Structure formats: structure tokens, C-alpha cells
């Protein structure tokens, strides 16, 4: 089990180690740690699958990789090489292909197993709080998005394509981040998301004060 986790961690580090969009190895490692704490709150003992999905959830992300099909094939081959059963591989893929916010815009919230719900909560928690603020600004720079424009109001996106269009860094707080606490699956996830959102609201209050002098 531990050998498998070490190999999975190494695979994620190899794939995401050079990422400069905020979906790097340290992001997935934080997600794995958060997921572990949430699983403990839920009384789950065997968390290998949860940890695996946490570390691997961005290794087939189209924000990070241009050829997603090849990355999916590579990941399946890797997991088979670790002797994961077809059932476990399917569950890992079910989680990592269905936890994203952008996919929900078109298809609604996916029906996930408890393991999937925990990984989804953990991923969304890492988008909030102090780390969430920095990741938002970092990704905005990566996509060459404006920091803020008072004349550009936040939008309500209905499709993934609309969501991927450039908005502003500050608008992203309203277009996505502040919506996340209401989507949490676990009680512990809801509490942590709410705690982090309060910090972000205080940050924005200070931001507007400084912007408007």
C-alpha cells in the first residue's frame, strides 16, 4: 500500500512538477492532506484510493495538458502497473473526471462516491483562503487576465467554454470561489470552506479600500 502511494506521489510530481498555473505538485499534495483529514472526520480507515485520486486529479486536466487522451492512457497504464484492479482504476477515473467546477456548469453536480465527495471538497478547499487568493492571482497572471476592472462586472457562466474566457482576477472570486462553500459535501468541508471564505471577504474589503483610496 505505502509503496503504491509513494509511486503515485512520484508520478504526480513528475507530471506536475513544472506546472506554472497553480495546479502544481504542491497543490495536489495539499489536497491529499486535506482529504486525509476529511476522511478521518468521516471515520474512513482505508484512504489509499482517496489519496491516489487526490494526487492524480490534475494529471489529466486540460488546463495543464494539451493531449488529455494520451495522459489518460498513460495514467491507466501506470495504475495497472501498480496492480490496481479495474474497479479501483474506474473509481479513480470517475472521481478525477467529475469533481471539477467547470463540468458542473453544464451537467450539474455529479453523483460521487463518498471518496469522490471528499476529494472534491479537498480540491475546492485549496481554492479558498490565503492559498486560494494567491492561486487565483497566479492563475490570472498565467492566463494574462486583468487584475481588476471596475467596468467589468462578474458574469454567470453556463458552459465550460464561457468559463474559460478571460475575466478579471477579482471577478473570479464572485464567479467561482464564493460559490464553493455551498457545494461542499461533508460537514467538515463546509466548516473549513466557510472559515476560509471569511478571510477572503476581509481581503477583498481591504483591496477595495486600497483601490479606491
C-alpha atoms as a PDB file:
ATOM      1  CA  UNK A   1       0.000   0.000   0.000  1.00  0.00           C
ATOM      2  CA  UNK A   2       2.663   2.531   1.061  1.00  0.00           C
ATOM      3  CA  UNK A   3       4.821   1.556  -1.928  1.00  0.00           C
ATOM      4  CA  UNK A   4       1.854   2.284  -4.188  1.00  0.00           C
ATOM      5  CA  UNK A   5       1.301   5.677  -2.588  1.00  0.00           C
ATOM      6  CA  UNK A   6       4.986   6.575  -2.955  1.00  0.00           C
ATOM      7  CA  UNK A   7       4.818   5.629  -6.633  1.00  0.00           C
ATOM      8  CA  UNK A   8       1.625   7.653  -7.132  1.00  0.00           C
ATOM      9  CA  UNK A   9       3.175  10.642  -5.407  1.00  0.00           C
ATOM     10  CA  UNK A  10       6.227  10.297  -7.669  1.00  0.00           C
ATOM     11  CA  UNK A  11       4.042  10.096 -10.781  1.00  0.00           C
ATOM     12  CA  UNK A  12       2.194  13.269  -9.785  1.00  0.00           C
ATOM     13  CA  UNK A  13       5.449  15.061  -9.084  1.00  0.00           C
ATOM     14  CA  UNK A  14       6.844  14.061 -12.483  1.00  0.00           C
ATOM     15  CA  UNK A  15       3.714  15.212 -14.313  1.00  0.00           C
ATOM     16  CA  UNK A  16       3.018  18.407 -12.378  1.00  0.00           C
ATOM     17  CA  UNK A  17       6.443  19.438 -11.131  1.00  0.00           C
ATOM     18  CA  UNK A  18       6.937  22.082 -13.823  1.00  0.00           C
ATOM     19  CA  UNK A  19       3.360  23.417 -13.841  1.00  0.00           C
ATOM     20  CA  UNK A  20       3.055  27.203 -13.618  1.00  0.00           C
ATOM     21  CA  UNK A  21      -0.719  27.553 -13.496  1.00  0.00           C
ATOM     22  CA  UNK A  22      -1.316  26.850  -9.800  1.00  0.00           C
ATOM     23  CA  UNK A  23      -2.125  23.178 -10.429  1.00  0.00           C
ATOM     24  CA  UNK A  24       1.328  22.013  -9.482  1.00  0.00           C
ATOM     25  CA  UNK A  25       2.563  19.136  -7.344  1.00  0.00           C
ATOM     26  CA  UNK A  26       2.301  21.122  -4.108  1.00  0.00           C
ATOM     27  CA  UNK A  27      -1.363  21.791  -4.864  1.00  0.00           C
ATOM     28  CA  UNK A  28      -2.207  18.095  -5.204  1.00  0.00           C
ATOM     29  CA  UNK A  29      -0.132  17.299  -2.124  1.00  0.00           C
ATOM     30  CA  UNK A  30      -2.136  19.822  -0.108  1.00  0.00           C
ATOM     31  CA  UNK A  31      -5.335  18.311  -1.498  1.00  0.00           C
ATOM     32  CA  UNK A  32      -4.188  14.859  -0.381  1.00  0.00           C
ATOM     33  CA  UNK A  33      -3.506  16.161   3.132  1.00  0.00           C
ATOM     34  CA  UNK A  34      -6.856  17.950   3.346  1.00  0.00           C
ATOM     35  CA  UNK A  35      -8.638  14.858   2.017  1.00  0.00           C
ATOM     36  CA  UNK A  36      -6.914  12.733   4.645  1.00  0.00           C
ATOM     37  CA  UNK A  37      -8.252  14.991   7.403  1.00  0.00           C
ATOM     38  CA  UNK A  38     -11.764  14.963   5.946  1.00  0.00           C
ATOM     39  CA  UNK A  39     -11.654  11.165   5.633  1.00  0.00           C
ATOM     40  CA  UNK A  40     -10.643  10.922   9.280  1.00  0.00           C
ATOM     41  CA  UNK A  41     -13.652  13.080  10.203  1.00  0.00           C
ATOM     42  CA  UNK A  42     -15.846  10.675   8.230  1.00  0.00           C
ATOM     43  CA  UNK A  43     -14.352   7.668  10.012  1.00  0.00           C
ATOM     44  CA  UNK A  44     -12.756   6.189   6.888  1.00  0.00           C
ATOM     45  CA  UNK A  45      -9.818   3.894   7.648  1.00  0.00           C
ATOM     46  CA  UNK A  46      -8.565   2.813   4.216  1.00  0.00           C
ATOM     47  CA  UNK A  47      -7.750   6.036   2.388  1.00  0.00           C
ATOM     48  CA  UNK A  48      -5.386   4.796  -0.350  1.00  0.00           C
ATOM     49  CA  UNK A  49      -7.948   5.375  -3.093  1.00  0.00           C
ATOM     50  CA  UNK A  50      -8.750   8.847  -1.711  1.00  0.00           C
ATOM     51  CA  UNK A  51      -5.063   9.743  -1.571  1.00  0.00           C
ATOM     52  CA  UNK A  52      -4.483   8.326  -5.046  1.00  0.00           C
ATOM     53  CA  UNK A  53      -7.304  10.374  -6.576  1.00  0.00           C
ATOM     54  CA  UNK A  54      -6.113  13.462  -4.686  1.00  0.00           C
ATOM     55  CA  UNK A  55      -2.586  13.205  -6.067  1.00  0.00           C
ATOM     56  CA  UNK A  56      -3.767  12.325  -9.573  1.00  0.00           C
ATOM     57  CA  UNK A  57      -6.754  14.633 -10.035  1.00  0.00           C
ATOM     58  CA  UNK A  58      -4.837  17.167 -12.157  1.00  0.00           C
ATOM     59  CA  UNK A  59      -2.619  14.837 -14.192  1.00  0.00           C
ATOM     60  CA  UNK A  60      -5.302  14.630 -16.915  1.00  0.00           C
ATOM     61  CA  UNK A  61      -6.536  18.228 -16.623  1.00  0.00           C
ATOM     62  CA  UNK A  62      -6.901  20.103 -19.906  1.00  0.00           C
ATOM     63  CA  UNK A  63      -5.744  23.299 -18.183  1.00  0.00           C
ATOM     64  CA  UNK A  64      -2.383  21.611 -17.692  1.00  0.00           C
ATOM     65  CA  UNK A  65      -2.037  19.190 -20.613  1.00  0.00           C
ATOM     66  CA  UNK A  66      -2.845  19.700 -24.286  1.00  0.00           C
ATOM     67  CA  UNK A  67      -3.163  15.983 -25.111  1.00  0.00           C
ATOM     68  CA  UNK A  68      -5.583  14.760 -22.435  1.00  0.00           C
ATOM     69  CA  UNK A  69      -6.302  11.485 -24.247  1.00  0.00           C
ATOM     70  CA  UNK A  70      -2.640  10.448 -24.101  1.00  0.00           C
ATOM     71  CA  UNK A  71      -2.416  11.431 -20.432  1.00  0.00           C
ATOM     72  CA  UNK A  72      -5.452   9.276 -19.621  1.00  0.00           C
ATOM     73  CA  UNK A  73      -3.920   6.292 -21.388  1.00  0.00           C
ATOM     74  CA  UNK A  74      -0.613   6.839 -19.580  1.00  0.00           C
ATOM     75  CA  UNK A  75      -2.359   7.039 -16.217  1.00  0.00           C
ATOM     76  CA  UNK A  76      -4.332   3.832 -16.799  1.00  0.00           C
ATOM     77  CA  UNK A  77      -1.158   2.023 -17.785  1.00  0.00           C
ATOM     78  CA  UNK A  78       0.613   3.356 -14.693  1.00  0.00           C
ATOM     79  CA  UNK A  79      -2.161   2.237 -12.326  1.00  0.00           C
ATOM     80  CA  UNK A  80      -2.351  -1.202 -13.919  1.00  0.00           C
ATOM     81  CA  UNK A  81       1.391  -1.481 -13.386  1.00  0.00           C
ATOM     82  CA  UNK A  82       0.757  -0.939  -9.665  1.00  0.00           C
ATOM     83  CA  UNK A  83      -1.735  -3.843  -9.745  1.00  0.00           C
ATOM     84  CA  UNK A  84      -4.787  -1.691  -9.111  1.00  0.00           C
ATOM     85  CA  UNK A  85      -7.941  -3.597 -10.003  1.00  0.00           C
ATOM     86  CA  UNK A  86     -10.087  -2.441 -12.917  1.00  0.00           C
ATOM     87  CA  UNK A  87     -12.746  -1.495 -10.363  1.00  0.00           C
ATOM     88  CA  UNK A  88     -10.345   0.739  -8.424  1.00  0.00           C
ATOM     89  CA  UNK A  89      -8.987   2.321 -11.614  1.00  0.00           C
ATOM     90  CA  UNK A  90     -12.526   3.059 -12.767  1.00  0.00           C
ATOM     91  CA  UNK A  91     -13.362   4.665  -9.433  1.00  0.00           C
ATOM     92  CA  UNK A  92     -10.231   6.825  -9.511  1.00  0.00           C
ATOM     93  CA  UNK A  93     -11.125   7.993 -13.015  1.00  0.00           C
ATOM     94  CA  UNK A  94     -14.743   8.564 -12.018  1.00  0.00           C
ATOM     95  CA  UNK A  95     -13.516  10.868  -9.269  1.00  0.00           C
ATOM     96  CA  UNK A  96     -10.914  12.835 -11.187  1.00  0.00           C
ATOM     97  CA  UNK A  97     -13.119  13.265 -14.256  1.00  0.00           C
ATOM     98  CA  UNK A  98     -16.156  14.506 -12.332  1.00  0.00           C
ATOM     99  CA  UNK A  99     -15.036  16.787  -9.498  1.00  0.00           C
ATOM    100  CA  UNK A 100     -14.377  19.990 -11.437  1.00  0.00           C
ATOM    101  CA  UNK A 101     -16.419  23.163 -11.061  1.00  0.00           C
ATOM    102  CA  UNK A 102     -16.420  23.848 -14.807  1.00  0.00           C
ATOM    103  CA  UNK A 103     -18.020  20.490 -15.616  1.00  0.00           C
ATOM    104  CA  UNK A 104     -20.875  21.238 -13.211  1.00  0.00           C
ATOM    105  CA  UNK A 105     -21.810  24.346 -15.173  1.00  0.00           C
ATOM    106  CA  UNK A 106     -23.194  22.210 -17.996  1.00  0.00           C
ATOM    107  CA  UNK A 107     -24.008  18.881 -16.359  1.00  0.00           C
ATOM    108  CA  UNK A 108     -24.857  19.798 -12.776  1.00  0.00           C
ATOM    109  CA  UNK A 109     -23.205  18.316  -9.703  1.00  0.00           C
ATOM    110  CA  UNK A 110     -22.032  14.761 -10.348  1.00  0.00           C
ATOM    111  CA  UNK A 111     -23.123  11.853  -8.168  1.00  0.00           C
ATOM    112  CA  UNK A 112     -19.888  10.860  -6.464  1.00  0.00           C
ATOM    113  CA  UNK A 113     -18.965   8.129  -4.032  1.00  0.00           C
ATOM    114  CA  UNK A 114     -18.025   9.266  -0.520  1.00  0.00           C
ATOM    115  CA  UNK A 115     -14.381   9.038  -1.585  1.00  0.00           C
ATOM    116  CA  UNK A 116     -15.134  11.300  -4.536  1.00  0.00           C
ATOM    117  CA  UNK A 117     -17.017  13.760  -2.364  1.00  0.00           C
ATOM    118  CA  UNK A 118     -14.042  14.001  -0.019  1.00  0.00           C
ATOM    119  CA  UNK A 119     -11.555  14.607  -2.844  1.00  0.00           C
ATOM    120  CA  UNK A 120     -13.872  17.201  -4.376  1.00  0.00           C
ATOM    121  CA  UNK A 121     -14.196  19.020  -1.049  1.00  0.00           C
ATOM    122  CA  UNK A 122     -10.436  18.937  -0.523  1.00  0.00           C
ATOM    123  CA  UNK A 123      -9.727  20.312  -4.002  1.00  0.00           C
ATOM    124  CA  UNK A 124     -12.212  23.140  -3.506  1.00  0.00           C
ATOM    125  CA  UNK A 125     -10.914  23.983  -0.052  1.00  0.00           C
ATOM    126  CA  UNK A 126      -7.465  24.520  -1.568  1.00  0.00           C
ATOM    127  CA  UNK A 127      -9.045  27.122  -3.869  1.00  0.00           C
ATOM    128  CA  UNK A 128     -10.069  29.161  -0.813  1.00  0.00           C
ATOM    129  CA  UNK A 129      -8.350  31.112   1.955  1.00  0.00           C
ATOM    130  CA  UNK A 130      -4.874  32.633   1.766  1.00  0.00           C
ATOM    131  CA  UNK A 131      -3.642  29.957  -0.628  1.00  0.00           C
ATOM    132  CA  UNK A 132      -6.745  30.400  -2.752  1.00  0.00           C
ATOM    133  CA  UNK A 133      -6.100  34.129  -3.076  1.00  0.00           C
ATOM    134  CA  UNK A 134      -2.528  33.560  -4.237  1.00  0.00           C
ATOM    135  CA  UNK A 135      -3.507  30.751  -6.609  1.00  0.00           C
ATOM    136  CA  UNK A 136      -6.193  32.958  -8.150  1.00  0.00           C
ATOM    137  CA  UNK A 137      -3.740  35.796  -8.760  1.00  0.00           C
ATOM    138  CA  UNK A 138      -1.098  33.357 -10.014  1.00  0.00           C
ATOM    139  CA  UNK A 139      -3.500  31.716 -12.487  1.00  0.00           C
ATOM    140  CA  UNK A 140      -4.669  35.155 -13.617  1.00  0.00           C
ATOM    141  CA  UNK A 141      -1.095  36.039 -14.484  1.00  0.00           C
ATOM    142  CA  UNK A 142      -0.673  32.690 -16.217  1.00  0.00           C
ATOM    143  CA  UNK A 143      -3.677  33.424 -18.471  1.00  0.00           C
ATOM    144  CA  UNK A 144      -2.773  37.129 -18.817  1.00  0.00           C
ATOM    145  CA  UNK A 145      -6.073  38.167 -17.258  1.00  0.00           C
ATOM    146  CA  UNK A 146      -6.556  41.709 -15.916  1.00  0.00           C
ATOM    147  CA  UNK A 147      -6.222  42.108 -12.168  1.00  0.00           C
ATOM    148  CA  UNK A 148      -9.332  44.256 -11.810  1.00  0.00           C
ATOM    149  CA  UNK A 149     -11.515  46.492 -13.930  1.00  0.00           C
ATOM    150  CA  UNK A 150     -14.417  48.285 -12.205  1.00  0.00           C
ATOM    151  CA  UNK A 151     -16.244  48.407 -15.537  1.00  0.00           C
ATOM    152  CA  UNK A 152     -16.196  44.631 -15.973  1.00  0.00           C
ATOM    153  CA  UNK A 153     -18.811  43.021 -13.757  1.00  0.00           C
ATOM    154  CA  UNK A 154     -18.739  39.351 -12.660  1.00  0.00           C
ATOM    155  CA  UNK A 155     -20.570  37.003 -15.013  1.00  0.00           C
ATOM    156  CA  UNK A 156     -22.778  33.948 -14.625  1.00  0.00           C
ATOM    157  CA  UNK A 157     -21.296  31.207 -16.790  1.00  0.00           C
ATOM    158  CA  UNK A 158     -23.430  28.424 -18.229  1.00  0.00           C
ATOM    159  CA  UNK A 159     -20.776  26.467 -20.127  1.00  0.00           C
ATOM    160  CA  UNK A 160     -17.187  25.416 -19.637  1.00  0.00           C
ATOM    161  CA  UNK A 161     -16.247  27.351 -22.765  1.00  0.00           C
ATOM    162  CA  UNK A 162     -17.702  30.573 -21.334  1.00  0.00           C
ATOM    163  CA  UNK A 163     -15.998  29.933 -18.002  1.00  0.00           C
ATOM    164  CA  UNK A 164     -12.588  29.597 -19.663  1.00  0.00           C
ATOM    165  CA  UNK A 165     -12.857  33.024 -21.301  1.00  0.00           C
ATOM    166  CA  UNK A 166     -10.681  35.686 -19.685  1.00  0.00           C
ATOM    167  CA  UNK A 167     -12.372  37.639 -16.920  1.00  0.00           C
ATOM    168  CA  UNK A 168     -10.526  39.504 -14.154  1.00  0.00           C
ATOM    169  CA  UNK A 169      -8.738  38.082 -11.135  1.00  0.00           C
ATOM    170  CA  UNK A 170     -11.128  39.857  -8.753  1.00  0.00           C
ATOM    171  CA  UNK A 171     -14.206  38.740 -10.694  1.00  0.00           C
ATOM    172  CA  UNK A 172     -13.083  35.135 -10.213  1.00  0.00           C
ATOM    173  CA  UNK A 173     -13.876  35.447  -6.511  1.00  0.00           C
ATOM    174  CA  UNK A 174     -17.543  36.020  -7.381  1.00  0.00           C
ATOM    175  CA  UNK A 175     -17.752  33.855 -10.498  1.00  0.00           C
ATOM    176  CA  UNK A 176     -16.442  30.752  -8.745  1.00  0.00           C
ATOM    177  CA  UNK A 177     -14.704  30.933  -5.380  1.00  0.00           C
ATOM    178  CA  UNK A 178     -17.502  32.351  -3.234  1.00  0.00           C
ATOM    179  CA  UNK A 179     -19.859  29.729  -4.690  1.00  0.00           C
ATOM    180  CA  UNK A 180     -17.727  26.819  -3.499  1.00  0.00           C
ATOM    181  CA  UNK A 181     -18.737  26.640   0.196  1.00  0.00           C
ATOM    182  CA  UNK A 182     -22.353  25.924  -0.810  1.00  0.00           C
ATOM    183  CA  UNK A 183     -21.179  22.971  -2.931  1.00  0.00           C
ATOM    184  CA  UNK A 184     -19.310  21.161  -0.143  1.00  0.00           C
ATOM    185  CA  UNK A 185     -20.345  17.580   0.533  1.00  0.00           C
ATOM    186  CA  UNK A 186     -19.045  16.931   4.055  1.00  0.00           C
ATOM    187  CA  UNK A 187     -19.741  18.829   7.263  1.00  0.00           C
ATOM    188  CA  UNK A 188     -16.027  19.264   7.948  1.00  0.00           C
ATOM    189  CA  UNK A 189     -15.566  20.526   4.395  1.00  0.00           C
ATOM    190  CA  UNK A 190     -18.374  23.054   4.800  1.00  0.00           C
ATOM    191  CA  UNK A 191     -16.889  24.390   8.039  1.00  0.00           C
ATOM    192  CA  UNK A 192     -13.376  24.779   6.628  1.00  0.00           C
ATOM    193  CA  UNK A 193     -14.650  26.339   3.393  1.00  0.00           C
ATOM    194  CA  UNK A 194     -16.691  28.870   5.339  1.00  0.00           C
ATOM    195  CA  UNK A 195     -13.730  29.738   7.577  1.00  0.00           C
ATOM    196  CA  UNK A 196     -11.532  30.370   4.563  1.00  0.00           C
ATOM    197  CA  UNK A 197     -14.191  32.391   2.757  1.00  0.00           C
ATOM    198  CA  UNK A 198     -14.420  34.823   5.687  1.00  0.00           C
ATOM    199  CA  UNK A 199     -10.709  35.538   5.265  1.00  0.00           C
ATOM    200  CA  UNK A 200     -11.198  36.145   1.542  1.00  0.00           C
ATOM    201  CA  UNK A 201     -14.077  38.536   2.173  1.00  0.00           C
ATOM    202  CA  UNK A 202     -11.862  40.521   4.541  1.00  0.00           C
ATOM    203  CA  UNK A 203      -9.117  40.567   1.900  1.00  0.00           C
ATOM    204  CA  UNK A 204     -11.491  41.956  -0.734  1.00  0.00           C
ATOM    205  CA  UNK A 205     -12.757  44.606   1.668  1.00  0.00           C
ATOM    206  CA  UNK A 206      -9.171  45.798   2.148  1.00  0.00           C
ATOM    207  CA  UNK A 207      -8.496  45.518  -1.597  1.00  0.00           C
ATOM    208  CA  UNK A 208     -11.389  47.839  -2.453  1.00  0.00           C
ATOM    209  CA  UNK A 209     -10.344  50.295   0.253  1.00  0.00           C
ATOM    210  CA  UNK A 210      -6.845  50.496  -1.184  1.00  0.00           C
ATOM    211  CA  UNK A 211      -8.064  50.597  -4.791  1.00  0.00           C
ATOM    212  CA  UNK A 212     -10.410  53.496  -4.063  1.00  0.00           C
ATOM    213  CA  UNK A 213      -8.053  55.236  -1.611  1.00  0.00           C
END
